[in-house]
């Protein structure tokens, strides 16, 4: 009884018990009426759903809601958050897809709406998976594993369950099933070339001093080929950048591809047949005819010259050397999948002697097939027999001593043919630039 009296007395003395009541509100908000007091469940539901609160017949519910919304500044949800803050937190839905890497134990998600091209998408993958670096390989941007020298190819599974290469359709016109790769499948080689078995690969030894010779060689091959062909320059600088070649230059090396040529089976992923040829060659025949000579019982096939040079120098003063099987390695058809050729790893190419490589000492004699000399016609050595032009006229002219791209060799035998091809190539190049 006495406590009730004390409470009554305190009320009379002006003490406001509402000030001690637990309330909820945002920092800095004034303690105004019901706005800062705890809400009952019905009010919570009303706030979340907008118009789900109960209204009495007198309309007092409507007026109370209007007053409540104004005083609270449109607080929404629980805990209370102002509407504009809730809008900021709302994330626009995007086209999220999962991306994985062969061998990696985790996946990542990417929003395709953030990118406008495949190139931007590749850059994003480089950031998502730190093992990747974008490298320019033979004038193309590739997603590489620089440590292992492996190229990764983005693929995706279409609605039919088939695995397809990303990039076959323009970025803006891709369908939902072509939105992004679900796996990054490695090609297991670091060259970045087509693995289409229907494409005949021609690897050409590239020397920076003979860039024009390479351009004409490539042009002559593609111009006369009746089958799909891929011409691939083997550039020593790129092989070093990819970690495939680290050998120190030796005095007896007359070209930049003296040893890199033996990377051909590796660059072809040890699959199918491929040809290597020096860049100082002009093709007059269809490489399909060369491919038709292929015999799977051999590890390699080449023109087996009996050639001993008389000159001590060649090209632009490079030292001429003589050794058994001289010039055999200047044009070679490689059976890249042959077990014996799998010995030609980057480690072997960088460590073995010139004699071991140029004389094909990893093979037995019966594993080396023969090709007619017209496919590696050595200027100054081989001769055209007038009475037998059909079988002796060159299908591939090899300017092994020096070609017309060097000032001192402009008047060499068959030089006029090369100069004519150069003029045609330059006109074609100018026309393609204009259009």
Protein backbone atom coordinates (compact mmCIF):
# COMPACT_ATOMS: atom_id res chain seq x y z
CA UNK A 1 0.00 0.00 0.00
CA UNK A 2 2.83 2.32 0.81
CA UNK A 3 4.57 1.65 -2.54
CA UNK A 4 1.38 2.50 -4.43
CA UNK A 5 1.20 5.71 -2.53
CA UNK A 6 4.83 6.50 -3.38
CA UNK A 7 4.14 5.82 -7.10
CA UNK A 8 1.10 8.07 -7.00
CA UNK A 9 3.12 10.75 -5.31
CA UNK A 10 5.91 10.56 -7.87
CA UNK A 11 3.34 10.94 -10.67
CA UNK A 12 1.97 13.99 -8.98
CA UNK A 13 5.45 15.43 -8.71
CA UNK A 14 5.67 15.45 -12.56
CA UNK A 15 7.91 12.41 -13.20
CA UNK A 16 7.37 11.03 -16.78
CA UNK A 17 7.68 7.27 -16.70
CA UNK A 18 7.65 7.16 -20.55
CA UNK A 19 11.21 8.46 -20.52
CA UNK A 20 12.39 5.21 -18.93
CA UNK A 21 10.59 2.99 -21.41
CA UNK A 22 12.74 0.94 -23.81
CA UNK A 23 12.44 2.31 -27.33
CA UNK A 24 13.92 1.61 -30.78
CA UNK A 25 15.02 4.10 -33.39
CA UNK A 26 17.81 5.27 -35.67
CA UNK A 27 20.66 7.30 -34.17
CA UNK A 28 19.87 11.01 -33.95
CA UNK A 29 16.13 10.53 -34.31
CA UNK A 30 14.01 12.61 -31.85
CA UNK A 31 11.99 10.73 -29.30
CA UNK A 32 8.61 11.73 -30.69
CA UNK A 33 5.49 9.93 -29.66
CA UNK A 34 4.95 6.41 -30.81
CA UNK A 35 7.58 6.61 -33.52
CA UNK A 36 10.36 5.60 -31.15
CA UNK A 37 8.45 3.05 -29.11
CA UNK A 38 8.52 -0.70 -29.58
CA UNK A 39 6.18 -1.93 -32.30
CA UNK A 40 3.65 -4.67 -31.91
CA UNK A 41 3.55 -7.53 -34.39
CA UNK A 42 0.67 -6.08 -36.45
CA UNK A 43 2.64 -2.90 -37.03
CA UNK A 44 5.68 -4.86 -38.15
CA UNK A 45 3.65 -6.74 -40.74
CA UNK A 46 2.06 -3.48 -41.89
CA UNK A 47 5.44 -1.86 -42.38
CA UNK A 48 6.84 -4.72 -44.44
CA UNK A 49 3.87 -5.30 -46.69
CA UNK A 50 2.75 -1.74 -47.15
CA UNK A 51 -1.04 -2.09 -46.90
CA UNK A 52 -1.46 -5.27 -44.88
CA UNK A 53 -2.33 -3.50 -41.58
CA UNK A 54 -5.85 -3.69 -40.15
CA UNK A 55 -8.19 -0.77 -40.62
CA UNK A 56 -11.13 -0.17 -38.29
CA UNK A 57 -14.49 1.01 -39.51
CA UNK A 58 -13.95 4.49 -38.15
CA UNK A 59 -10.89 5.05 -40.35
CA UNK A 60 -8.65 5.64 -37.34
CA UNK A 61 -6.28 2.94 -38.65
CA UNK A 62 -5.72 4.91 -41.85
CA UNK A 63 -4.98 8.17 -40.06
CA UNK A 64 -2.69 6.40 -37.58
CA UNK A 65 -0.75 4.80 -40.45
CA UNK A 66 -0.30 8.14 -42.19
CA UNK A 67 0.95 9.76 -39.01
CA UNK A 68 3.19 6.78 -38.22
CA UNK A 69 4.77 6.74 -41.72
CA UNK A 70 5.51 10.45 -41.58
CA UNK A 71 7.05 10.40 -38.15
CA UNK A 72 9.16 7.35 -38.90
CA UNK A 73 10.46 8.61 -42.24
CA UNK A 74 9.22 5.46 -44.05
CA UNK A 75 11.14 2.89 -42.10
CA UNK A 76 10.91 -0.54 -43.71
CA UNK A 77 11.69 -4.11 -42.73
CA UNK A 78 13.07 -5.41 -39.50
CA UNK A 79 15.33 -4.14 -38.09
CA UNK A 80 14.03 -0.79 -39.33
CA UNK A 81 15.92 0.65 -42.33
CA UNK A 82 14.95 3.73 -44.30
CA UNK A 83 13.54 3.03 -47.77
CA UNK A 84 16.35 4.81 -49.67
CA UNK A 85 18.93 2.71 -47.84
CA UNK A 86 17.09 -0.45 -48.75
CA UNK A 87 17.11 0.61 -52.42
CA UNK A 88 20.89 1.09 -52.30
CA UNK A 89 21.30 -2.45 -51.02
CA UNK A 90 19.19 -3.88 -53.82
CA UNK A 91 21.49 -5.54 -56.41
CA UNK A 92 20.43 -5.67 -60.01
CA UNK A 93 20.10 -9.27 -61.14
CA UNK A 94 22.71 -10.30 -63.71
CA UNK A 95 23.63 -13.32 -65.81
CA UNK A 96 25.72 -15.23 -63.33
CA UNK A 97 27.48 -18.38 -64.45
CA UNK A 98 29.94 -20.70 -62.80
CA UNK A 99 33.47 -20.97 -64.15
CA UNK A 100 35.93 -23.71 -63.30
CA UNK A 101 39.41 -24.80 -64.31
CA UNK A 102 40.43 -28.36 -65.05
CA UNK A 103 42.25 -29.60 -61.97
CA UNK A 104 41.12 -26.77 -59.68
CA UNK A 105 39.06 -27.86 -56.63
CA UNK A 106 36.81 -24.77 -56.63
CA UNK A 107 34.47 -22.76 -58.88
CA UNK A 108 33.95 -19.01 -59.31
CA UNK A 109 30.90 -17.00 -60.34
CA UNK A 110 30.96 -14.22 -62.92
CA UNK A 111 28.30 -11.78 -64.12
CA UNK A 112 28.38 -11.70 -67.91
CA UNK A 113 26.51 -8.40 -67.99
CA UNK A 114 29.71 -6.69 -66.82
CA UNK A 115 31.60 -7.49 -70.04
CA UNK A 116 31.19 -6.30 -73.62
CA UNK A 117 33.52 -8.69 -75.42
CA UNK A 118 35.35 -11.99 -75.16
CA UNK A 119 38.60 -10.08 -74.64
CA UNK A 120 37.19 -8.40 -71.53
CA UNK A 121 35.91 -11.75 -70.34
CA UNK A 122 39.37 -13.32 -70.71
CA UNK A 123 40.81 -10.46 -68.64
CA UNK A 124 38.26 -11.22 -65.93
CA UNK A 125 39.28 -14.88 -65.90
CA UNK A 126 42.89 -13.80 -65.52
CA UNK A 127 41.88 -11.99 -62.32
CA UNK A 128 39.67 -14.79 -60.99
CA UNK A 129 42.32 -17.49 -61.39
CA UNK A 130 45.76 -16.18 -60.53
CA UNK A 131 47.48 -19.05 -62.35
CA UNK A 132 46.49 -17.43 -65.67
CA UNK A 133 48.24 -14.75 -67.69
CA UNK A 134 47.12 -13.31 -71.00
CA UNK A 135 49.96 -13.70 -73.47
CA UNK A 136 50.21 -12.71 -77.11
CA UNK A 137 51.18 -15.87 -78.96
CA UNK A 138 51.72 -15.63 -82.69
CA UNK A 139 49.69 -12.38 -82.84
CA UNK A 140 46.77 -13.84 -80.86
CA UNK A 141 45.81 -13.26 -77.23
CA UNK A 142 45.76 -16.54 -75.31
CA UNK A 143 45.00 -17.51 -71.72
CA UNK A 144 48.20 -19.19 -70.57
CA UNK A 145 49.62 -20.94 -67.56
CA UNK A 146 53.12 -19.39 -67.78
CA UNK A 147 54.64 -21.83 -65.29
CA UNK A 148 53.77 -24.96 -67.24
CA UNK A 149 53.53 -23.36 -70.68
CA UNK A 150 49.95 -24.58 -71.10
CA UNK A 151 47.20 -22.80 -72.99
CA UNK A 152 43.67 -22.99 -71.57
CA UNK A 153 40.69 -22.91 -73.90
CA UNK A 154 37.30 -21.63 -72.61
CA UNK A 155 34.53 -24.12 -73.38
CA UNK A 156 30.88 -24.51 -72.48
CA UNK A 157 28.24 -27.23 -72.57
CA UNK A 158 25.32 -26.43 -74.86
CA UNK A 159 21.71 -27.51 -74.44
CA UNK A 160 22.40 -30.75 -76.34
CA UNK A 161 25.17 -31.71 -73.93
CA UNK A 162 27.96 -31.07 -76.45
CA UNK A 163 31.13 -29.23 -75.46
CA UNK A 164 31.72 -26.15 -77.59
CA UNK A 165 34.49 -23.56 -77.85
CA UNK A 166 33.68 -20.12 -76.47
CA UNK A 167 33.96 -17.42 -79.14
CA UNK A 168 32.33 -19.25 -82.04
CA UNK A 169 29.51 -16.70 -82.06
CA UNK A 170 29.70 -12.90 -81.57
CA UNK A 171 29.57 -11.84 -77.92
CA UNK A 172 26.38 -9.78 -78.27
CA UNK A 173 24.48 -12.52 -80.13
CA UNK A 174 25.32 -15.47 -77.90
CA UNK A 175 22.40 -17.53 -76.62
CA UNK A 176 21.85 -18.40 -72.93
CA UNK A 177 23.61 -21.74 -73.49
CA UNK A 178 26.62 -19.90 -74.91
CA UNK A 179 26.97 -17.39 -72.10
CA UNK A 180 30.22 -18.58 -70.55
CA UNK A 181 32.45 -21.57 -70.03
CA UNK A 182 31.74 -24.05 -67.32
CA UNK A 183 35.26 -25.41 -67.62
CA UNK A 184 38.58 -24.23 -68.95
CA UNK A 185 39.98 -27.19 -70.83
CA UNK A 186 43.75 -27.19 -71.42
CA UNK A 187 45.13 -28.06 -74.81
CA UNK A 188 48.22 -29.49 -73.00
CA UNK A 189 50.53 -27.57 -75.31
CA UNK A 190 51.69 -23.99 -75.17
CA UNK A 191 51.48 -22.95 -78.78
CA UNK A 192 47.89 -21.81 -79.13
CA UNK A 193 47.26 -23.40 -82.53
CA UNK A 194 44.28 -25.18 -83.98
CA UNK A 195 43.90 -28.81 -82.92
CA UNK A 196 41.52 -29.52 -85.80
CA UNK A 197 42.85 -32.76 -87.34
CA UNK A 198 41.47 -31.71 -90.74
CA UNK A 199 43.83 -28.73 -90.87
CA UNK A 200 47.29 -29.48 -92.24
CA UNK A 201 49.87 -27.66 -90.14
CA UNK A 202 52.96 -26.16 -91.72
CA UNK A 203 55.51 -24.86 -89.20
CA UNK A 204 57.94 -22.40 -90.74
CA UNK A 205 61.29 -21.51 -89.21
CA UNK A 206 61.32 -17.74 -88.68
CA UNK A 207 64.40 -15.53 -88.70
CA UNK A 208 64.06 -11.81 -87.95
CA UNK A 209 66.59 -11.06 -90.71
CA UNK A 210 64.34 -12.81 -93.23
CA UNK A 211 60.88 -11.60 -92.35
CA UNK A 212 60.08 -10.87 -95.99
CA UNK A 213 61.17 -14.38 -96.96
CA UNK A 214 58.73 -15.79 -94.39
CA UNK A 215 55.85 -13.63 -95.66
CA UNK A 216 56.37 -14.79 -99.23
CA UNK A 217 56.76 -18.42 -98.13
CA UNK A 218 53.46 -18.28 -96.22
CA UNK A 219 51.72 -16.57 -99.12
CA UNK A 220 52.95 -19.16 -101.64
CA UNK A 221 51.73 -22.05 -99.47
CA UNK A 222 48.25 -20.68 -98.86
CA UNK A 223 47.84 -19.45 -102.43
CA UNK A 224 48.32 -22.91 -103.93
CA UNK A 225 46.88 -25.15 -101.21
CA UNK A 226 43.66 -27.00 -102.05
CA UNK A 227 43.22 -28.21 -98.46
CA UNK A 228 42.75 -26.29 -95.18
CA UNK A 229 46.24 -25.29 -94.07
CA UNK A 230 47.61 -23.45 -91.05
CA UNK A 231 50.99 -21.78 -91.49
CA UNK A 232 52.71 -21.20 -88.14
CA UNK A 233 55.99 -19.31 -87.71
CA UNK A 234 58.33 -20.69 -85.08
CA UNK A 235 59.80 -17.51 -83.59
CA UNK A 236 62.66 -17.97 -81.17
CA UNK A 237 61.67 -14.88 -79.16
CA UNK A 238 58.19 -16.29 -78.54
CA UNK A 239 59.53 -19.73 -77.69
CA UNK A 240 61.77 -18.12 -75.06
CA UNK A 241 58.89 -16.08 -73.68
CA UNK A 242 56.80 -19.23 -73.32
CA UNK A 243 59.63 -21.01 -71.54
CA UNK A 244 60.01 -23.57 -74.33
CA UNK A 245 63.47 -22.48 -75.46
CA UNK A 246 66.36 -21.29 -73.33
CA UNK A 247 69.38 -22.58 -75.20
CA UNK A 248 72.35 -20.24 -75.61
CA UNK A 249 73.17 -19.23 -79.18
CA UNK A 250 76.06 -21.24 -80.64
CA UNK A 251 78.55 -19.98 -83.24
CA UNK A 252 77.58 -22.67 -85.75
CA UNK A 253 73.91 -21.58 -85.79
CA UNK A 254 73.27 -19.83 -89.10
CA UNK A 255 69.58 -19.09 -88.35
CA UNK A 256 67.37 -18.35 -85.35
CA UNK A 257 65.50 -21.61 -85.94
CA UNK A 258 68.53 -23.93 -86.11
CA UNK A 259 67.23 -25.80 -83.04
CA UNK A 260 63.69 -24.52 -82.46
CA UNK A 261 62.62 -26.45 -85.58
CA UNK A 262 62.74 -29.65 -83.54
CA UNK A 263 59.93 -28.39 -81.31
CA UNK A 264 57.50 -29.13 -84.15
CA UNK A 265 56.01 -32.38 -82.72
CA UNK A 266 55.63 -30.71 -79.31
CA UNK A 267 53.97 -27.63 -80.81
CA UNK A 268 51.59 -29.94 -82.70
CA UNK A 269 50.65 -31.54 -79.36
CA UNK A 270 52.18 -34.84 -80.56
CA UNK A 271 49.13 -35.38 -82.75
CA UNK A 272 48.75 -36.11 -86.46
CA UNK A 273 51.19 -35.15 -89.18
CA UNK A 274 52.79 -31.73 -89.57
CA UNK A 275 55.53 -30.35 -91.77
CA UNK A 276 58.45 -28.13 -90.87
CA UNK A 277 60.14 -26.03 -93.51
CA UNK A 278 62.77 -23.26 -93.54
CA UNK A 279 61.46 -19.76 -94.32
CA UNK A 280 63.71 -19.36 -97.39
CA UNK A 281 61.45 -21.57 -99.49
CA UNK A 282 59.05 -20.67 -102.31
CA UNK A 283 56.24 -23.16 -102.89
CA UNK A 284 55.21 -23.80 -106.47
CA UNK A 285 53.19 -26.94 -105.74
CA UNK A 286 50.07 -27.76 -103.74
CA UNK A 287 50.92 -28.98 -100.21
CA UNK A 288 48.09 -31.50 -100.62
CA UNK A 289 50.40 -33.41 -102.95
CA UNK A 290 53.02 -33.40 -100.19
CA UNK A 291 50.47 -34.59 -97.63
CA UNK A 292 49.42 -37.38 -100.00
CA UNK A 293 52.95 -38.85 -99.70
CA UNK A 294 52.50 -39.49 -95.97
CA UNK A 295 53.10 -43.07 -94.84
CA UNK A 296 52.22 -43.85 -91.22
CA UNK A 297 54.90 -46.52 -90.91
CA UNK A 298 57.54 -43.77 -90.72
CA UNK A 299 58.36 -41.45 -87.81
CA UNK A 300 59.52 -38.75 -90.22
CA UNK A 301 59.78 -38.26 -93.97
CA UNK A 302 62.15 -35.90 -95.78
CA UNK A 303 64.22 -35.36 -98.91
CA UNK A 304 67.36 -37.40 -98.31
CA UNK A 305 69.92 -35.17 -99.98
CA UNK A 306 73.44 -36.30 -100.71
CA UNK A 307 74.75 -32.79 -100.29
CA UNK A 308 78.13 -31.39 -99.33
CA UNK A 309 78.34 -27.61 -99.70
CA UNK A 310 81.39 -26.18 -101.40
CA UNK A 311 80.86 -22.66 -100.05
CA UNK A 312 82.20 -21.57 -96.66
CA UNK A 313 79.55 -18.89 -96.13
CA UNK A 314 75.89 -18.46 -97.03
CA UNK A 315 73.12 -15.86 -96.86
CA UNK A 316 74.38 -12.67 -95.19
CA UNK A 317 77.80 -14.06 -94.32
CA UNK A 318 76.60 -16.87 -92.04
CA UNK A 319 79.07 -19.73 -91.63
CA UNK A 320 78.38 -22.76 -93.83
CA UNK A 321 78.92 -26.12 -92.16
CA UNK A 322 79.08 -29.62 -93.60
CA UNK A 323 77.80 -32.74 -91.84
CA UNK A 324 76.08 -36.05 -92.67
CA UNK A 325 72.43 -35.70 -93.68
CA UNK A 326 72.99 -32.03 -94.46
CA UNK A 327 69.72 -30.22 -95.24
CA UNK A 328 67.57 -33.23 -94.34
CA UNK A 329 66.10 -31.25 -91.46
CA UNK A 330 65.23 -28.21 -93.60
CA UNK A 331 61.95 -29.84 -94.70
CA UNK A 332 60.54 -32.63 -92.58
CA UNK A 333 57.17 -34.34 -92.45
CA UNK A 334 56.71 -35.29 -88.78
CA UNK A 335 54.50 -38.13 -87.67
CA UNK A 336 53.90 -36.20 -84.45
CA UNK A 337 52.06 -39.04 -82.71
CA UNK A 338 54.83 -41.57 -83.34
CA UNK A 339 56.23 -42.86 -80.01
CA UNK A 340 59.81 -42.13 -81.07
CA UNK A 341 59.05 -38.44 -81.72
CA UNK A 342 57.75 -37.92 -78.21
CA UNK A 343 61.40 -37.77 -77.15
CA UNK A 344 61.50 -34.30 -78.73
CA UNK A 345 60.55 -32.42 -75.57
CA UNK A 346 61.70 -28.86 -74.87
CA UNK A 347 64.27 -30.30 -72.46
CA UNK A 348 65.83 -32.48 -75.18
CA UNK A 349 65.74 -29.72 -77.80
CA UNK A 350 67.53 -27.38 -75.40
CA UNK A 351 70.19 -29.85 -74.26
CA UNK A 352 71.06 -32.30 -77.05
CA UNK A 353 73.82 -31.66 -79.57
CA UNK A 354 73.32 -30.41 -83.09
CA UNK A 355 74.51 -33.75 -84.43
CA UNK A 356 71.90 -35.67 -82.41
CA UNK A 357 69.06 -33.46 -83.66
CA UNK A 358 69.99 -32.65 -87.27
CA UNK A 359 71.00 -36.24 -88.01
CA UNK A 360 67.82 -37.66 -86.42
CA UNK A 361 69.83 -39.84 -84.08
CA UNK A 362 66.74 -40.61 -81.95
CA UNK A 363 65.50 -42.71 -84.89
CA UNK A 364 66.56 -45.88 -86.69
CA UNK A 365 67.27 -45.58 -90.40
CA UNK A 366 64.19 -47.61 -91.36
CA UNK A 367 61.99 -45.13 -89.49
CA UNK A 368 62.93 -42.31 -91.89
CA UNK A 369 60.91 -42.19 -95.10
CA UNK A 370 61.93 -40.56 -98.35
CA UNK A 371 60.29 -37.66 -100.21
CA UNK A 372 61.06 -36.67 -103.84
CA UNK A 373 63.73 -33.96 -104.03
CA UNK A 374 61.37 -31.57 -105.83
CA UNK A 375 59.79 -30.82 -102.43
CA UNK A 376 63.09 -29.44 -101.15
CA UNK A 377 64.81 -28.34 -104.34
CA UNK A 378 68.20 -26.90 -103.34
CA UNK A 379 69.16 -23.98 -105.55
CA UNK A 380 72.70 -24.55 -106.85
CA UNK A 381 72.58 -28.28 -106.14
CA UNK A 382 69.50 -29.88 -107.68
CA UNK A 383 68.95 -29.55 -111.42
CA UNK A 384 65.93 -29.59 -113.70
CA UNK A 385 66.18 -32.28 -116.38
CA UNK A 386 64.62 -30.85 -119.53
CA UNK A 387 63.61 -34.28 -120.79
CA UNK A 388 61.94 -35.03 -117.46
CA UNK A 389 60.56 -31.72 -116.23
CA UNK A 390 57.48 -33.37 -114.74
CA UNK A 391 59.49 -35.20 -112.10
CA UNK A 392 62.44 -32.81 -111.75
CA UNK A 393 60.92 -29.31 -111.81
CA UNK A 394 60.73 -27.92 -108.26
CA UNK A 395 57.53 -27.88 -106.24
CA UNK A 396 59.31 -26.08 -103.40
CA UNK A 397 62.42 -23.99 -104.16
CA UNK A 398 64.89 -23.77 -101.28
CA UNK A 399 67.25 -20.79 -101.53
CA UNK A 400 69.60 -22.39 -99.03
CA UNK A 401 72.66 -20.27 -99.90
CA UNK A 402 70.77 -16.98 -100.03
CA UNK A 403 67.67 -15.56 -101.67
CA UNK A 404 66.64 -12.44 -103.61
CA UNK A 405 65.57 -10.68 -100.40
CA UNK A 406 69.32 -10.16 -99.88
CA UNK A 407 70.86 -7.58 -102.18
CA UNK A 408 73.79 -9.83 -103.11
CA UNK A 409 71.46 -12.67 -104.18
CA UNK A 410 68.89 -10.88 -106.33
CA UNK A 411 70.19 -12.54 -109.51
CA UNK A 412 70.35 -16.09 -108.14
CA UNK A 413 68.78 -19.03 -109.95
CA UNK A 414 64.95 -18.93 -109.71
CA UNK A 415 65.30 -15.48 -108.21
CA UNK A 416 62.88 -14.06 -110.77
CA UNK A 417 60.16 -16.44 -109.56
CA UNK A 418 60.57 -15.27 -105.99
CA UNK A 419 60.55 -11.59 -106.97
CA UNK A 420 57.38 -12.15 -109.00
CA UNK A 421 55.76 -13.84 -106.01
CA UNK A 422 56.86 -10.95 -103.78
CA UNK A 423 55.19 -8.42 -106.09
CA UNK A 424 51.98 -10.44 -106.08
CA UNK A 425 52.08 -10.78 -102.29
CA UNK A 426 52.57 -7.03 -101.82
CA UNK A 427 49.62 -6.21 -104.10
CA UNK A 428 47.42 -8.65 -102.20
CA UNK A 429 48.55 -7.15 -98.89
CA UNK A 430 47.78 -3.61 -100.07
CA UNK A 431 44.36 -4.67 -101.31
CA UNK A 432 43.48 -6.33 -98.01
CA UNK A 433 44.59 -3.18 -96.15
CA UNK A 434 42.34 -0.97 -98.27
CA UNK A 435 39.30 -3.17 -97.70
